[in-house]
């Protein structure tokens, strides 16, 4: 568990946004690389999605 916390800290320093305790309701393709993520806390656009459920 400590390794995960350490790597998330480093990722955040590089600009990665991590949404914890957030339910994904849907994922919509918007183009070749961009996706719109629909969650219980709002909508986000991204080119990379990592599911760590």
PDB file of N, CA and C in Angstrom:
ATOM      1  N   UNK A   1       0.820  -1.193   0.000  1.00  0.00           N
ATOM      2  CA  UNK A   1       0.000   0.000   0.000  1.00  0.00           C
ATOM      3  C   UNK A   1       0.866   1.259   0.000  1.00  0.00           C
ATOM      4  N   UNK A   2       1.983   1.237   0.718  1.00  0.00           N
ATOM      5  CA  UNK A   2       2.848   2.417   0.767  1.00  0.00           C
ATOM      6  C   UNK A   2       3.414   2.748  -0.611  1.00  0.00           C
ATOM      7  N   UNK A   3       3.690   1.722  -1.425  1.00  0.00           N
ATOM      8  CA  UNK A   3       4.203   1.961  -2.776  1.00  0.00           C
ATOM      9  C   UNK A   3       3.178   2.714  -3.611  1.00  0.00           C
ATOM     10  N   UNK A   4       1.912   2.347  -3.477  1.00  0.00           N
ATOM     11  CA  UNK A   4       0.849   3.027  -4.217  1.00  0.00           C
ATOM     12  C   UNK A   4       0.742   4.484  -3.792  1.00  0.00           C
ATOM     13  N   UNK A   5       0.802   4.737  -2.497  1.00  0.00           N
ATOM     14  CA  UNK A   5       0.728   6.110  -1.994  1.00  0.00           C
ATOM     15  C   UNK A   5       1.923   6.915  -2.486  1.00  0.00           C
ATOM     16  N   UNK A   6       3.120   6.335  -2.442  1.00  0.00           N
ATOM     17  CA  UNK A   6       4.314   7.039  -2.912  1.00  0.00           C
ATOM     18  C   UNK A   6       4.229   7.343  -4.400  1.00  0.00           C
ATOM     19  N   UNK A   7       3.761   6.388  -5.216  1.00  0.00           N
ATOM     20  CA  UNK A   7       3.680   6.658  -6.642  1.00  0.00           C
ATOM     21  C   UNK A   7       2.589   7.648  -6.974  1.00  0.00           C
ATOM     22  N   UNK A   8       1.488   7.662  -6.228  1.00  0.00           N
ATOM     23  CA  UNK A   8       0.447   8.648  -6.512  1.00  0.00           C
ATOM     24  C   UNK A   8       0.936  10.046  -6.157  1.00  0.00           C
ATOM     25  N   UNK A   9       1.744  10.167  -5.131  1.00  0.00           N
ATOM     26  CA  UNK A   9       2.313  11.464  -4.760  1.00  0.00           C
ATOM     27  C   UNK A   9       3.214  11.987  -5.875  1.00  0.00           C
ATOM     28  N   UNK A  10       4.041  11.123  -6.413  1.00  0.00           N
ATOM     29  CA  UNK A  10       4.915  11.511  -7.519  1.00  0.00           C
ATOM     30  C   UNK A  10       4.125  11.853  -8.768  1.00  0.00           C
ATOM     31  N   UNK A  11       3.082  11.090  -9.037  1.00  0.00           N
ATOM     32  CA  UNK A  11       2.236  11.358 -10.206  1.00  0.00           C
ATOM     33  C   UNK A  11       1.555  12.712 -10.077  1.00  0.00           C
ATOM     34  N   UNK A  12       1.063  13.014  -8.890  1.00  0.00           N
ATOM     35  CA  UNK A  12       0.407  14.313  -8.673  1.00  0.00           C
ATOM     36  C   UNK A  12       1.377  15.467  -8.903  1.00  0.00           C
ATOM     37  N   UNK A  13       2.632  15.282  -8.520  1.00  0.00           N
ATOM     38  CA  UNK A  13       3.640  16.327  -8.742  1.00  0.00           C
ATOM     39  C   UNK A  13       3.865  16.571 -10.230  1.00  0.00           C
ATOM     40  N   UNK A  14       3.581  15.559 -11.063  1.00  0.00           N
ATOM     41  CA  UNK A  14       3.736  15.688 -12.509  1.00  0.00           C
ATOM     42  C   UNK A  14       2.435  16.117 -13.189  1.00  0.00           C
ATOM     43  N   UNK A  15       1.410  16.462 -12.403  1.00  0.00           N
ATOM     44  CA  UNK A  15       0.179  16.984 -12.983  1.00  0.00           C
ATOM     45  C   UNK A  15      -0.962  15.998 -13.125  1.00  0.00           C
ATOM     46  N   UNK A  16      -0.763  14.770 -12.654  1.00  0.00           N
ATOM     47  CA  UNK A  16      -1.833  13.772 -12.727  1.00  0.00           C
ATOM     48  C   UNK A  16      -2.908  14.112 -11.706  1.00  0.00           C
ATOM     49  N   UNK A  17      -4.157  14.018 -12.123  1.00  0.00           N
ATOM     50  CA  UNK A  17      -5.270  14.227 -11.193  1.00  0.00           C
ATOM     51  C   UNK A  17      -5.857  12.870 -10.846  1.00  0.00           C
ATOM     52  N   UNK A  18      -5.978  12.597  -9.563  1.00  0.00           N
ATOM     53  CA  UNK A  18      -6.513  11.327  -9.075  1.00  0.00           C
ATOM     54  C   UNK A  18      -7.816  11.614  -8.351  1.00  0.00           C
ATOM     55  N   UNK A  19      -8.883  10.968  -8.802  1.00  0.00           N
ATOM     56  CA  UNK A  19     -10.199  11.155  -8.200  1.00  0.00           C
ATOM     57  C   UNK A  19     -10.521   9.911  -7.380  1.00  0.00           C
ATOM     58  N   UNK A  20     -10.493  10.056  -6.064  1.00  0.00           N
ATOM     59  CA  UNK A  20     -10.785   8.938  -5.173  1.00  0.00           C
ATOM     60  C   UNK A  20     -12.247   8.982  -4.756  1.00  0.00           C
ATOM     61  N   UNK A  21     -12.778   7.822  -4.407  1.00  0.00           N
ATOM     62  CA  UNK A  21     -14.165   7.720  -3.956  1.00  0.00           C
ATOM     63  C   UNK A  21     -15.107   8.359  -4.977  1.00  0.00           C
ATOM     64  N   UNK A  22     -14.869   8.088  -6.256  1.00  0.00           N
ATOM     65  CA  UNK A  22     -15.659   8.657  -7.342  1.00  0.00           C
ATOM     66  C   UNK A  22     -16.183   7.525  -8.215  1.00  0.00           C
ATOM     67  N   UNK A  23     -17.492   7.467  -8.373  1.00  0.00           N
ATOM     68  CA  UNK A  23     -18.118   6.412  -9.172  1.00  0.00           C
ATOM     69  C   UNK A  23     -18.198   6.842 -10.631  1.00  0.00           C
ATOM     70  N   UNK A  24     -17.653   6.016 -11.523  1.00  0.00           N
ATOM     71  CA  UNK A  24     -17.759   6.282 -12.956  1.00  0.00           C
ATOM     72  C   UNK A  24     -19.105   5.757 -13.432  1.00  0.00           C
ATOM     73  N   UNK A  25     -19.871   6.645 -14.047  1.00  0.00           N
ATOM     74  CA  UNK A  25     -21.197   6.293 -14.545  1.00  0.00           C
ATOM     75  C   UNK A  25     -21.128   5.921 -16.023  1.00  0.00           C
ATOM     76  N   UNK A  26     -20.213   6.534 -16.753  1.00  0.00           N
ATOM     77  CA  UNK A  26     -20.079   6.236 -18.171  1.00  0.00           C
ATOM     78  C   UNK A  26     -18.831   6.855 -18.759  1.00  0.00           C
ATOM     79  N   UNK A  27     -18.445   6.337 -19.921  1.00  0.00           N
ATOM     80  CA  UNK A  27     -17.307   6.863 -20.667  1.00  0.00           C
ATOM     81  C   UNK A  27     -17.770   7.044 -22.101  1.00  0.00           C
ATOM     82  N   UNK A  28     -17.588   8.246 -22.628  1.00  0.00           N
ATOM     83  CA  UNK A  28     -17.988   8.537 -23.998  1.00  0.00           C
ATOM     84  C   UNK A  28     -16.758   8.903 -24.808  1.00  0.00           C
ATOM     85  N   UNK A  29     -16.642   8.314 -25.984  1.00  0.00           N
ATOM     86  CA  UNK A  29     -15.558   8.684 -26.881  1.00  0.00           C
ATOM     87  C   UNK A  29     -15.888  10.000 -27.560  1.00  0.00           C
ATOM     88  N   UNK A  30     -14.914  10.889 -27.645  1.00  0.00           N
ATOM     89  CA  UNK A  30     -15.134  12.193 -28.268  1.00  0.00           C
ATOM     90  C   UNK A  30     -14.280  12.358 -29.517  1.00  0.00           C
ATOM     91  N   UNK A  31     -13.322  11.524 -29.655  1.00  0.00           N
ATOM     92  CA  UNK A  31     -12.395  11.631 -30.777  1.00  0.00           C
ATOM     93  C   UNK A  31     -11.461  10.443 -30.718  1.00  0.00           C
ATOM     94  N   UNK A  32     -10.396  10.539 -31.457  1.00  0.00           N
ATOM     95  CA  UNK A  32      -9.468   9.413 -31.501  1.00  0.00           C
ATOM     96  C   UNK A  32      -8.825   9.138 -30.150  1.00  0.00           C
ATOM     97  N   UNK A  33      -8.528  10.196 -29.384  1.00  0.00           N
ATOM     98  CA  UNK A  33      -7.833   9.998 -28.115  1.00  0.00           C
ATOM     99  C   UNK A  33      -8.584  10.540 -26.908  1.00  0.00           C
ATOM    100  N   UNK A  34      -9.408  11.544 -27.083  1.00  0.00           N
ATOM    101  CA  UNK A  34     -10.057  12.192 -25.945  1.00  0.00           C
ATOM    102  C   UNK A  34     -11.328  11.460 -25.547  1.00  0.00           C
ATOM    103  N   UNK A  35     -11.517  11.322 -24.259  1.00  0.00           N
ATOM    104  CA  UNK A  35     -12.711  10.678 -23.705  1.00  0.00           C
ATOM    105  C   UNK A  35     -13.378  11.623 -22.720  1.00  0.00           C
ATOM    106  N   UNK A  36     -14.691  11.521 -22.607  1.00  0.00           N
ATOM    107  CA  UNK A  36     -15.440  12.250 -21.583  1.00  0.00           C
ATOM    108  C   UNK A  36     -15.860  11.217 -20.548  1.00  0.00           C
ATOM    109  N   UNK A  37     -15.451  11.437 -19.300  1.00  0.00           N
ATOM    110  CA  UNK A  37     -15.761  10.540 -18.200  1.00  0.00           C
ATOM    111  C   UNK A  37     -16.920  11.143 -17.416  1.00  0.00           C
ATOM    112  N   UNK A  38     -17.995  10.390 -17.273  1.00  0.00           N
ATOM    113  CA  UNK A  38     -19.159  10.828 -16.510  1.00  0.00           C
ATOM    114  C   UNK A  38     -19.091  10.173 -15.138  1.00  0.00           C
ATOM    115  N   UNK A  39     -19.088  10.981 -14.069  1.00  0.00           N
ATOM    116  CA  UNK A  39     -18.992  10.449 -12.713  1.00  0.00           C
ATOM    117  C   UNK A  39     -20.106  11.013 -11.846  1.00  0.00           C
ATOM    118  N   UNK A  40     -20.186  10.494 -10.636  1.00  0.00           N
ATOM    119  CA  UNK A  40     -21.173  11.006  -9.686  1.00  0.00           C
ATOM    120  C   UNK A  40     -20.794  12.395  -9.173  1.00  0.00           C
ATOM    121  N   UNK A  41     -19.590  12.875  -9.528  1.00  0.00           N
ATOM    122  CA  UNK A  41     -19.133  14.193  -9.073  1.00  0.00           C
ATOM    123  C   UNK A  41     -18.953  15.181 -10.221  1.00  0.00           C
ATOM    124  N   UNK A  42     -19.341  14.799 -11.413  1.00  0.00           N
ATOM    125  CA  UNK A  42     -19.212  15.696 -12.554  1.00  0.00           C
ATOM    126  C   UNK A  42     -18.642  14.988 -13.770  1.00  0.00           C
ATOM    127  N   UNK A  43     -18.335  15.781 -14.797  1.00  0.00           N
ATOM    128  CA  UNK A  43     -17.786  15.258 -16.042  1.00  0.00           C
ATOM    129  C   UNK A  43     -16.361  15.758 -16.229  1.00  0.00           C
ATOM    130  N   UNK A  44     -15.521  14.900 -16.831  1.00  0.00           N
ATOM    131  CA  UNK A  44     -14.125  15.237 -17.050  1.00  0.00           C
ATOM    132  C   UNK A  44     -13.729  14.799 -18.447  1.00  0.00           C
ATOM    133  N   UNK A  45     -12.829  15.547 -19.079  1.00  0.00           N
ATOM    134  CA  UNK A  45     -12.255  15.141 -20.355  1.00  0.00           C
ATOM    135  C   UNK A  45     -10.813  14.725 -20.123  1.00  0.00           C
ATOM    136  N   UNK A  46     -10.411  13.651 -20.779  1.00  0.00           N
ATOM    137  CA  UNK A  46      -9.060  13.135 -20.587  1.00  0.00           C
ATOM    138  C   UNK A  46      -8.626  12.334 -21.804  1.00  0.00           C
ATOM    139  N   UNK A  47      -7.349  12.092 -21.924  1.00  0.00           N
ATOM    140  CA  UNK A  47      -6.844  11.206 -22.972  1.00  0.00           C
ATOM    141  C   UNK A  47      -6.387   9.875 -22.381  1.00  0.00           C
ATOM    142  N   UNK A  48      -6.300   9.798 -21.050  1.00  0.00           N
ATOM    143  CA  UNK A  48      -5.864   8.573 -20.379  1.00  0.00           C
ATOM    144  C   UNK A  48      -6.792   8.284 -19.210  1.00  0.00           C
ATOM    145  N   UNK A  49      -7.220   7.020 -19.096  1.00  0.00           N
ATOM    146  CA  UNK A  49      -8.054   6.584 -17.971  1.00  0.00           C
ATOM    147  C   UNK A  49      -7.397   5.364 -17.343  1.00  0.00           C
ATOM    148  N   UNK A  50      -7.245   5.386 -16.021  1.00  0.00           N
ATOM    149  CA  UNK A  50      -6.728   4.234 -15.284  1.00  0.00           C
ATOM    150  C   UNK A  50      -7.788   3.844 -14.270  1.00  0.00           C
ATOM    151  N   UNK A  51      -8.283   2.623 -14.377  1.00  0.00           N
ATOM    152  CA  UNK A  51      -9.293   2.126 -13.438  1.00  0.00           C
ATOM    153  C   UNK A  51      -8.583   1.331 -12.351  1.00  0.00           C
ATOM    154  N   UNK A  52      -8.664   1.813 -11.140  1.00  0.00           N
ATOM    155  CA  UNK A  52      -7.998   1.142 -10.022  1.00  0.00           C
ATOM    156  C   UNK A  52      -9.019   0.734  -8.974  1.00  0.00           C
ATOM    157  N   UNK A  53     -10.151   0.227  -9.436  1.00  0.00           N
ATOM    158  CA  UNK A  53     -11.229  -0.143  -8.513  1.00  0.00           C
ATOM    159  C   UNK A  53     -10.833  -1.294  -7.622  1.00  0.00           C
TER     160      UNK A  53
END
